[in-house]
């Protein structure tokens, strides 16, 4: 499973409406879920800004301890992420979302995201739908 920022942030924030769901899914994949580096950076920056350095360090320590697999972007993944972003420029996706897409596409893994707009707006592998861990209906 490839992790996007939303579920990680929700998992760290007990007041988030999707906190318990995120924690349950994240715990079930401990040590096996993949977090692209741009996601790590976005989550750390967001957590630091919203909740402070202590919470940012908690997040970074969980990644460092192997709770999830950190994935640096290879040149090929970087180029694919930029290619997706350029091809769907009207959606204003950004490198974080497109890096998740590039990694998911390369590894054939489902994505755990709450950003359904992005993953519905861009065709997935073989021009089909992205394999998502959950849908909007699962969050209702």
Foldseek 3Di string as FASTA:
>chain_A
DEEAQVLVLLCLDVPDLCNVVSVVVLQVQFLEYEYEPVRLVVNLVVCCVPPNDVSSVVSVVSVVVRRHHYHYQDPVLQVQLVVQCVVPVVVVPDSRVSSSLSVCQVVVDAYEDPPVVVQVSGQHHPRHGGRHPDDPVVSD
